Amino acid sequence: MEETTRKFTALDSKAEMREILSSVYNSLMVKGYNPINQIVGYILSEDPTYITNYNSARTLITRIDRDELMQELVRTYLEKK
């Protein structure tokens, strides 16, 4: 029996990262959480329980590489300043 390695692809674009983050943000809002606090908690701790399961938000957020997300957040913040 031949074993094959599964490959997982990173997100294709910044647009996909933005879509996922927006979806997670909206899911947190609907459930009554403070989305900024919850997302920051997740980024700092890598603990997915900061994110609700509602609308598969927890699964979606784990598709984003935290380091890439942090880089993009800092880059965007500095560019808009």
PDB file of N, CA and C in Angstrom:
ATOM      1  N   MET A   1       0.841  -1.182   0.000  1.00  0.00           N
ATOM      2  CA  MET A   1       0.000   0.000   0.000  1.00  0.00           C
ATOM      3  C   MET A   1       0.885   1.243   0.000  1.00  0.00           C
ATOM      4  N   GLU A   2       0.637   2.127  -0.918  1.00  0.00           N
ATOM      5  CA  GLU A   2       1.444   3.343  -1.054  1.00  0.00           C
ATOM      6  C   GLU A   2       0.850   4.472  -0.225  1.00  0.00           C
ATOM      7  N   GLU A   3       1.698   5.102   0.561  1.00  0.00           N
ATOM      8  CA  GLU A   3       1.243   6.242   1.357  1.00  0.00           C
ATOM      9  C   GLU A   3       1.638   7.522   0.650  1.00  0.00           C
ATOM     10  N   THR A   4       0.729   8.455   0.614  1.00  0.00           N
ATOM     11  CA  THR A   4       1.039   9.731  -0.004  1.00  0.00           C
ATOM     12  C   THR A   4       0.958  10.830   1.038  1.00  0.00           C
ATOM     13  N   THR A   5       1.728  11.853   0.815  1.00  0.00           N
ATOM     14  CA  THR A   5       1.723  12.994   1.713  1.00  0.00           C
ATOM     15  C   THR A   5       0.627  13.953   1.288  1.00  0.00           C
ATOM     16  N   ARG A   6      -0.150  14.367   2.244  1.00  0.00           N
ATOM     17  CA  ARG A   6      -1.192  15.343   1.949  1.00  0.00           C
ATOM     18  C   ARG A   6      -0.574  16.722   1.942  1.00  0.00           C
ATOM     19  N   LYS A   7      -0.948  17.506   0.960  1.00  0.00           N
ATOM     20  CA  LYS A   7      -0.464  18.873   0.871  1.00  0.00           C
ATOM     21  C   LYS A   7      -1.608  19.822   1.163  1.00  0.00           C
ATOM     22  N   PHE A   8      -1.313  20.811   1.963  1.00  0.00           N
ATOM     23  CA  PHE A   8      -2.284  21.845   2.266  1.00  0.00           C
ATOM     24  C   PHE A   8      -1.765  23.142   1.684  1.00  0.00           C
ATOM     25  N   THR A   9      -2.609  23.832   0.986  1.00  0.00           N
ATOM     26  CA  THR A   9      -2.171  25.075   0.377  1.00  0.00           C
ATOM     27  C   THR A   9      -2.506  26.246   1.285  1.00  0.00           C
ATOM     28  N   ALA A  10      -1.604  27.208   1.315  1.00  0.00           N
ATOM     29  CA  ALA A  10      -1.856  28.428   2.065  1.00  0.00           C
ATOM     30  C   ALA A  10      -2.924  29.228   1.331  1.00  0.00           C
ATOM     31  N   LEU A  11      -3.415  30.227   1.972  1.00  0.00           N
ATOM     32  CA  LEU A  11      -4.423  31.062   1.326  1.00  0.00           C
ATOM     33  C   LEU A  11      -3.852  31.665   0.055  1.00  0.00           C
ATOM     34  N   ASP A  12      -4.674  31.726  -0.970  1.00  0.00           N
ATOM     35  CA  ASP A  12      -4.230  32.185  -2.274  1.00  0.00           C
ATOM     36  C   ASP A  12      -3.990  33.680  -2.341  1.00  0.00           C
ATOM     37  N   SER A  13      -4.688  34.455  -1.536  1.00  0.00           N
ATOM     38  CA  SER A  13      -4.556  35.893  -1.686  1.00  0.00           C
ATOM     39  C   SER A  13      -4.919  36.620  -0.412  1.00  0.00           C
ATOM     40  N   LYS A  14      -4.556  37.886  -0.417  1.00  0.00           N
ATOM     41  CA  LYS A  14      -4.937  38.742   0.701  1.00  0.00           C
ATOM     42  C   LYS A  14      -6.452  38.897   0.735  1.00  0.00           C
ATOM     43  N   ALA A  15      -7.067  38.861  -0.425  1.00  0.00           N
ATOM     44  CA  ALA A  15      -8.519  38.998  -0.499  1.00  0.00           C
ATOM     45  C   ALA A  15      -9.208  37.844   0.236  1.00  0.00           C
ATOM     46  N   GLU A  16      -8.675  36.647   0.082  1.00  0.00           N
ATOM     47  CA  GLU A  16      -9.255  35.492   0.776  1.00  0.00           C
ATOM     48  C   GLU A  16      -9.068  35.631   2.288  1.00  0.00           C
ATOM     49  N   MET A  17      -7.901  36.140   2.698  1.00  0.00           N
ATOM     50  CA  MET A  17      -7.646  36.363   4.115  1.00  0.00           C
ATOM     51  C   MET A  17      -8.641  37.396   4.655  1.00  0.00           C
ATOM     52  N   ARG A  18      -8.877  38.452   3.889  1.00  0.00           N
ATOM     53  CA  ARG A  18      -9.818  39.497   4.303  1.00  0.00           C
ATOM     54  C   ARG A  18     -11.232  38.930   4.402  1.00  0.00           C
ATOM     55  N   GLU A  19     -11.624  38.100   3.437  1.00  0.00           N
ATOM     56  CA  GLU A  19     -12.951  37.476   3.456  1.00  0.00           C
ATOM     57  C   GLU A  19     -13.155  36.631   4.705  1.00  0.00           C
ATOM     58  N   ILE A  20     -12.156  35.819   5.001  1.00  0.00           N
ATOM     59  CA  ILE A  20     -12.245  34.940   6.167  1.00  0.00           C
ATOM     60  C   ILE A  20     -12.323  35.763   7.445  1.00  0.00           C
ATOM     61  N   LEU A  21     -11.460  36.755   7.565  1.00  0.00           N
ATOM     62  CA  LEU A  21     -11.448  37.582   8.765  1.00  0.00           C
ATOM     63  C   LEU A  21     -12.775  38.326   8.922  1.00  0.00           C
ATOM     64  N   SER A  22     -13.331  38.820   7.829  1.00  0.00           N
ATOM     65  CA  SER A  22     -14.629  39.505   7.878  1.00  0.00           C
ATOM     66  C   SER A  22     -15.740  38.555   8.296  1.00  0.00           C
ATOM     67  N   SER A  23     -15.712  37.347   7.777  1.00  0.00           N
ATOM     68  CA  SER A  23     -16.719  36.353   8.129  1.00  0.00           C
ATOM     69  C   SER A  23     -16.639  35.996   9.615  1.00  0.00           C
ATOM     70  N   VAL A  24     -15.414  35.798  10.101  1.00  0.00           N
ATOM     71  CA  VAL A  24     -15.212  35.484  11.518  1.00  0.00           C
ATOM     72  C   VAL A  24     -15.691  36.655  12.376  1.00  0.00           C
ATOM     73  N   TYR A  25     -15.332  37.866  11.980  1.00  0.00           N
ATOM     74  CA  TYR A  25     -15.753  39.075  12.696  1.00  0.00           C
ATOM     75  C   TYR A  25     -17.284  39.129  12.784  1.00  0.00           C
ATOM     76  N   ASN A  26     -17.957  38.920  11.665  1.00  0.00           N
ATOM     77  CA  ASN A  26     -19.424  38.961  11.639  1.00  0.00           C
ATOM     78  C   ASN A  26     -20.038  37.874  12.506  1.00  0.00           C
ATOM     79  N   SER A  27     -19.467  36.690  12.471  1.00  0.00           N
ATOM     80  CA  SER A  27     -19.986  35.595  13.300  1.00  0.00           C
ATOM     81  C   SER A  27     -19.862  35.927  14.782  1.00  0.00           C
ATOM     82  N   LEU A  28     -18.752  36.522  15.160  1.00  0.00           N
ATOM     83  CA  LEU A  28     -18.553  36.907  16.560  1.00  0.00           C
ATOM     84  C   LEU A  28     -19.560  37.995  16.966  1.00  0.00           C
ATOM     85  N   MET A  29     -19.806  38.950  16.064  1.00  0.00           N
ATOM     86  CA  MET A  29     -20.782  40.015  16.343  1.00  0.00           C
ATOM     87  C   MET A  29     -22.169  39.425  16.562  1.00  0.00           C
ATOM     88  N   VAL A  30     -22.575  38.525  15.673  1.00  0.00           N
ATOM     89  CA  VAL A  30     -23.906  37.912  15.761  1.00  0.00           C
ATOM     90  C   VAL A  30     -24.084  37.191  17.096  1.00  0.00           C
ATOM     91  N   LYS A  31     -23.032  36.550  17.567  1.00  0.00           N
ATOM     92  CA  LYS A  31     -23.120  35.793  18.811  1.00  0.00           C
ATOM     93  C   LYS A  31     -22.948  36.675  20.050  1.00  0.00           C
ATOM     94  N   GLY A  32     -22.729  37.994  19.849  1.00  0.00           N
ATOM     95  CA  GLY A  32     -22.674  38.919  20.979  1.00  0.00           C
ATOM     96  C   GLY A  32     -21.305  39.115  21.598  1.00  0.00           C
ATOM     97  N   TYR A  33     -20.260  38.655  20.932  1.00  0.00           N
ATOM     98  CA  TYR A  33     -18.907  38.829  21.445  1.00  0.00           C
ATOM     99  C   TYR A  33     -18.318  40.145  20.941  1.00  0.00           C
ATOM    100  N   ASN A  34     -17.250  40.599  21.587  1.00  0.00           N
ATOM    101  CA  ASN A  34     -16.477  41.725  21.082  1.00  0.00           C
ATOM    102  C   ASN A  34     -15.469  41.125  20.097  1.00  0.00           C
ATOM    103  N   PRO A  35     -15.690  41.283  18.794  1.00  0.00           N
ATOM    104  CA  PRO A  35     -14.870  40.597  17.797  1.00  0.00           C
ATOM    105  C   PRO A  35     -13.380  40.962  17.854  1.00  0.00           C
ATOM    106  N   ILE A  36     -13.085  42.213  18.113  1.00  0.00           N
ATOM    107  CA  ILE A  36     -11.680  42.631  18.171  1.00  0.00           C
ATOM    108  C   ILE A  36     -10.966  41.906  19.305  1.00  0.00           C
ATOM    109  N   ASN A  37     -11.566  41.930  20.502  1.00  0.00           N
ATOM    110  CA  ASN A  37     -10.944  41.249  21.645  1.00  0.00           C
ATOM    111  C   ASN A  37     -10.775  39.759  21.396  1.00  0.00           C
ATOM    112  N   GLN A  38     -11.787  39.139  20.799  1.00  0.00           N
ATOM    113  CA  GLN A  38     -11.723  37.696  20.562  1.00  0.00           C
ATOM    114  C   GLN A  38     -10.660  37.344  19.524  1.00  0.00           C
ATOM    115  N   ILE A  39     -10.583  38.111  18.449  1.00  0.00           N
ATOM    116  CA  ILE A  39      -9.595  37.831  17.400  1.00  0.00           C
ATOM    117  C   ILE A  39      -8.188  38.073  17.921  1.00  0.00           C
ATOM    118  N   VAL A  40      -7.989  39.152  18.671  1.00  0.00           N
ATOM    119  CA  VAL A  40      -6.676  39.425  19.261  1.00  0.00           C
ATOM    120  C   VAL A  40      -6.299  38.303  20.230  1.00  0.00           C
ATOM    121  N   GLY A  41      -7.245  37.859  21.034  1.00  0.00           N
ATOM    122  CA  GLY A  41      -6.980  36.742  21.950  1.00  0.00           C
ATOM    123  C   GLY A  41      -6.537  35.502  21.200  1.00  0.00           C
ATOM    124  N   TYR A  42      -7.213  35.216  20.095  1.00  0.00           N
ATOM    125  CA  TYR A  42      -6.832  34.063  19.275  1.00  0.00           C
ATOM    126  C   TYR A  42      -5.430  34.238  18.693  1.00  0.00           C
ATOM    127  N   ILE A  43      -5.142  35.413  18.140  1.00  0.00           N
ATOM    128  CA  ILE A  43      -3.840  35.646  17.514  1.00  0.00           C
ATOM    129  C   ILE A  43      -2.722  35.496  18.536  1.00  0.00           C
ATOM    130  N   LEU A  44      -2.907  36.061  19.726  1.00  0.00           N
ATOM    131  CA  LEU A  44      -1.848  36.020  20.739  1.00  0.00           C
ATOM    132  C   LEU A  44      -1.659  34.633  21.342  1.00  0.00           C
ATOM    133  N   SER A  45      -2.742  33.906  21.513  1.00  0.00           N
ATOM    134  CA  SER A  45      -2.654  32.628  22.220  1.00  0.00           C
ATOM    135  C   SER A  45      -2.670  31.401  21.318  1.00  0.00           C
ATOM    136  N   GLU A  46      -3.159  31.551  20.113  1.00  0.00           N
ATOM    137  CA  GLU A  46      -3.397  30.443  19.181  1.00  0.00           C
ATOM    138  C   GLU A  46      -4.424  29.455  19.748  1.00  0.00           C
ATOM    139  N   ASP A  47      -5.237  29.930  20.654  1.00  0.00           N
ATOM    140  CA  ASP A  47      -6.287  29.117  21.249  1.00  0.00           C
ATOM    141  C   ASP A  47      -7.578  29.333  20.459  1.00  0.00           C
ATOM    142  N   PRO A  48      -7.997  28.345  19.677  1.00  0.00           N
ATOM    143  CA  PRO A  48      -9.170  28.520  18.815  1.00  0.00           C
ATOM    144  C   PRO A  48     -10.481  28.721  19.569  1.00  0.00           C
ATOM    145  N   THR A  49     -10.489  28.446  20.876  1.00  0.00           N
ATOM    146  CA  THR A  49     -11.742  28.621  21.611  1.00  0.00           C
ATOM    147  C   THR A  49     -12.117  30.097  21.774  1.00  0.00           C
ATOM    148  N   TYR A  50     -11.237  31.002  21.418  1.00  0.00           N
ATOM    149  CA  TYR A  50     -11.603  32.424  21.388  1.00  0.00           C
ATOM    150  C   TYR A  50     -12.615  32.704  20.278  1.00  0.00           C
ATOM    151  N   ILE A  51     -12.678  31.821  19.309  1.00  0.00           N
ATOM    152  CA  ILE A  51     -13.538  32.017  18.142  1.00  0.00           C
ATOM    153  C   ILE A  51     -14.722  31.061  18.222  1.00  0.00           C
ATOM    154  N   THR A  52     -15.905  31.592  17.963  1.00  0.00           N
ATOM    155  CA  THR A  52     -17.124  30.784  18.004  1.00  0.00           C
ATOM    156  C   THR A  52     -17.149  29.753  16.875  1.00  0.00           C
ATOM    157  N   ASN A  53     -17.877  28.684  17.106  1.00  0.00           N
ATOM    158  CA  ASN A  53     -18.096  27.687  16.047  1.00  0.00           C
ATOM    159  C   ASN A  53     -19.193  28.120  15.081  1.00  0.00           C
ATOM    160  N   TYR A  54     -19.937  29.130  15.463  1.00  0.00           N
ATOM    161  CA  TYR A  54     -21.056  29.617  14.656  1.00  0.00           C
ATOM    162  C   TYR A  54     -20.583  29.920  13.233  1.00  0.00           C
ATOM    163  N   ASN A  55     -21.302  29.454  12.240  1.00  0.00           N
ATOM    164  CA  ASN A  55     -20.964  29.620  10.813  1.00  0.00           C
ATOM    165  C   ASN A  55     -19.564  29.104  10.471  1.00  0.00           C
ATOM    166  N   SER A  56     -19.099  28.115  11.203  1.00  0.00           N
ATOM    167  CA  SER A  56     -17.768  27.515  10.986  1.00  0.00           C
ATOM    168  C   SER A  56     -16.631  28.528  11.119  1.00  0.00           C
ATOM    169  N   ALA A  57     -16.844  29.562  11.933  1.00  0.00           N
ATOM    170  CA  ALA A  57     -15.827  30.613  12.090  1.00  0.00           C
ATOM    171  C   ALA A  57     -14.514  30.061  12.626  1.00  0.00           C
ATOM    172  N   ARG A  58     -14.590  29.131  13.563  1.00  0.00           N
ATOM    173  CA  ARG A  58     -13.364  28.576  14.148  1.00  0.00           C
ATOM    174  C   ARG A  58     -12.560  27.822  13.096  1.00  0.00           C
ATOM    175  N   THR A  59     -13.231  27.067  12.274  1.00  0.00           N
ATOM    176  CA  THR A  59     -12.543  26.338  11.201  1.00  0.00           C
ATOM    177  C   THR A  59     -11.940  27.312  10.197  1.00  0.00           C
ATOM    178  N   LEU A  60     -12.672  28.355   9.876  1.00  0.00           N
ATOM    179  CA  LEU A  60     -12.176  29.343   8.916  1.00  0.00           C
ATOM    180  C   LEU A  60     -10.927  30.048   9.420  1.00  0.00           C
ATOM    181  N   ILE A  61     -10.937  30.496  10.664  1.00  0.00           N
ATOM    182  CA  ILE A  61      -9.802  31.267  11.188  1.00  0.00           C
ATOM    183  C   ILE A  61      -8.527  30.433  11.220  1.00  0.00           C
ATOM    184  N   THR A  62      -8.674  29.133  11.387  1.00  0.00           N
ATOM    185  CA  THR A  62      -7.471  28.288  11.428  1.00  0.00           C
ATOM    186  C   THR A  62      -6.850  28.102  10.048  1.00  0.00           C
ATOM    187  N   ARG A  63      -7.549  28.519   8.998  1.00  0.00           N
ATOM    188  CA  ARG A  63      -6.979  28.460   7.641  1.00  0.00           C
ATOM    189  C   ARG A  63      -5.972  29.580   7.404  1.00  0.00           C
ATOM    190  N   ILE A  64      -6.022  30.605   8.253  1.00  0.00           N
ATOM    191  CA  ILE A  64      -5.112  31.739   8.099  1.00  0.00           C
ATOM    192  C   ILE A  64      -3.868  31.494   8.949  1.00  0.00           C
ATOM    193  N   ASP A  65      -2.704  31.633   8.343  1.00  0.00           N
ATOM    194  CA  ASP A  65      -1.454  31.546   9.091  1.00  0.00           C
ATOM    195  C   ASP A  65      -1.356  32.785   9.984  1.00  0.00           C
ATOM    196  N   ARG A  66      -1.198  32.562  11.292  1.00  0.00           N
ATOM    197  CA  ARG A  66      -1.181  33.685  12.228  1.00  0.00           C
ATOM    198  C   ARG A  66      -0.055  34.667  11.944  1.00  0.00           C
ATOM    199  N   ASP A  67       1.113  34.184  11.588  1.00  0.00           N
ATOM    200  CA  ASP A  67       2.237  35.074  11.286  1.00  0.00           C
ATOM    201  C   ASP A  67       1.935  35.946  10.074  1.00  0.00           C
ATOM    202  N   GLU A  68       1.370  35.358   9.038  1.00  0.00           N
ATOM    203  CA  GLU A  68       1.001  36.121   7.851  1.00  0.00           C
ATOM    204  C   GLU A  68      -0.072  37.152   8.182  1.00  0.00           C
ATOM    205  N   LEU A  69      -1.024  36.767   9.011  1.00  0.00           N
ATOM    206  CA  LEU A  69      -2.071  37.687   9.420  1.00  0.00           C
ATOM    207  C   LEU A  69      -1.483  38.873  10.183  1.00  0.00           C
ATOM    208  N   MET A  70      -0.595  38.604  11.125  1.00  0.00           N
ATOM    209  CA  MET A  70       0.047  39.680  11.885  1.00  0.00           C
ATOM    210  C   MET A  70       0.831  40.611  10.967  1.00  0.00           C
ATOM    211  N   GLN A  71       1.577  40.037  10.031  1.00  0.00           N
ATOM    212  CA  GLN A  71       2.344  40.855   9.094  1.00  0.00           C
ATOM    213  C   GLN A  71       1.420  41.758   8.285  1.00  0.00           C
ATOM    214  N   GLU A  72       0.342  41.201   7.805  1.00  0.00           N
ATOM    215  CA  GLU A  72      -0.595  41.980   6.992  1.00  0.00           C
ATOM    216  C   GLU A  72      -1.286  43.059   7.818  1.00  0.00           C
ATOM    217  N   LEU A  73      -1.641  42.748   9.044  1.00  0.00           N
ATOM    218  CA  LEU A  73      -2.273  43.746   9.910  1.00  0.00           C
ATOM    219  C   LEU A  73      -1.334  44.916  10.185  1.00  0.00           C
ATOM    220  N   VAL A  74      -0.083  44.623  10.504  1.00  0.00           N
ATOM    221  CA  VAL A  74       0.886  45.681  10.771  1.00  0.00           C
ATOM    222  C   VAL A  74       1.160  46.490   9.510  1.00  0.00           C
ATOM    223  N   ARG A  75       1.343  45.810   8.393  1.00  0.00           N
ATOM    224  CA  ARG A  75       1.606  46.484   7.118  1.00  0.00           C
ATOM    225  C   ARG A  75       0.452  47.427   6.760  1.00  0.00           C
ATOM    226  N   THR A  76      -0.761  46.933   6.865  1.00  0.00           N
ATOM    227  CA  THR A  76      -1.936  47.738   6.550  1.00  0.00           C
ATOM    228  C   THR A  76      -2.072  48.918   7.495  1.00  0.00           C
ATOM    229  N   TYR A  77      -1.843  48.694   8.745  1.00  0.00           N
ATOM    230  CA  TYR A  77      -1.928  49.766   9.747  1.00  0.00           C
ATOM    231  C   TYR A  77      -0.932  50.881   9.422  1.00  0.00           C
ATOM    232  N   LEU A  78       0.296  50.499   9.130  1.00  0.00           N
ATOM    233  CA  LEU A  78       1.337  51.491   8.856  1.00  0.00           C
ATOM    234  C   LEU A  78       1.131  52.209   7.532  1.00  0.00           C
ATOM    235  N   GLU A  79       0.612  51.533   6.540  1.00  0.00           N
ATOM    236  CA  GLU A  79       0.370  52.151   5.246  1.00  0.00           C
ATOM    237  C   GLU A  79      -0.766  53.156   5.296  1.00  0.00           C
ATOM    238  N   LYS A  80      -1.740  52.932   6.149  1.00  0.00           N
ATOM    239  CA  LYS A  80      -2.902  53.815   6.229  1.00  0.00           C
ATOM    240  C   LYS A  80      -2.677  54.991   7.169  1.00  0.00           C
ATOM    241  N   LYS A  81      -1.582  54.999   7.869  1.00  0.00           N
ATOM    242  CA  LYS A  81      -1.308  56.045   8.822  1.00  0.00           C
ATOM    243  C   LYS A  81      -0.818  57.303   8.155  1.00  0.00           C
TER     244      LYS A  81
END
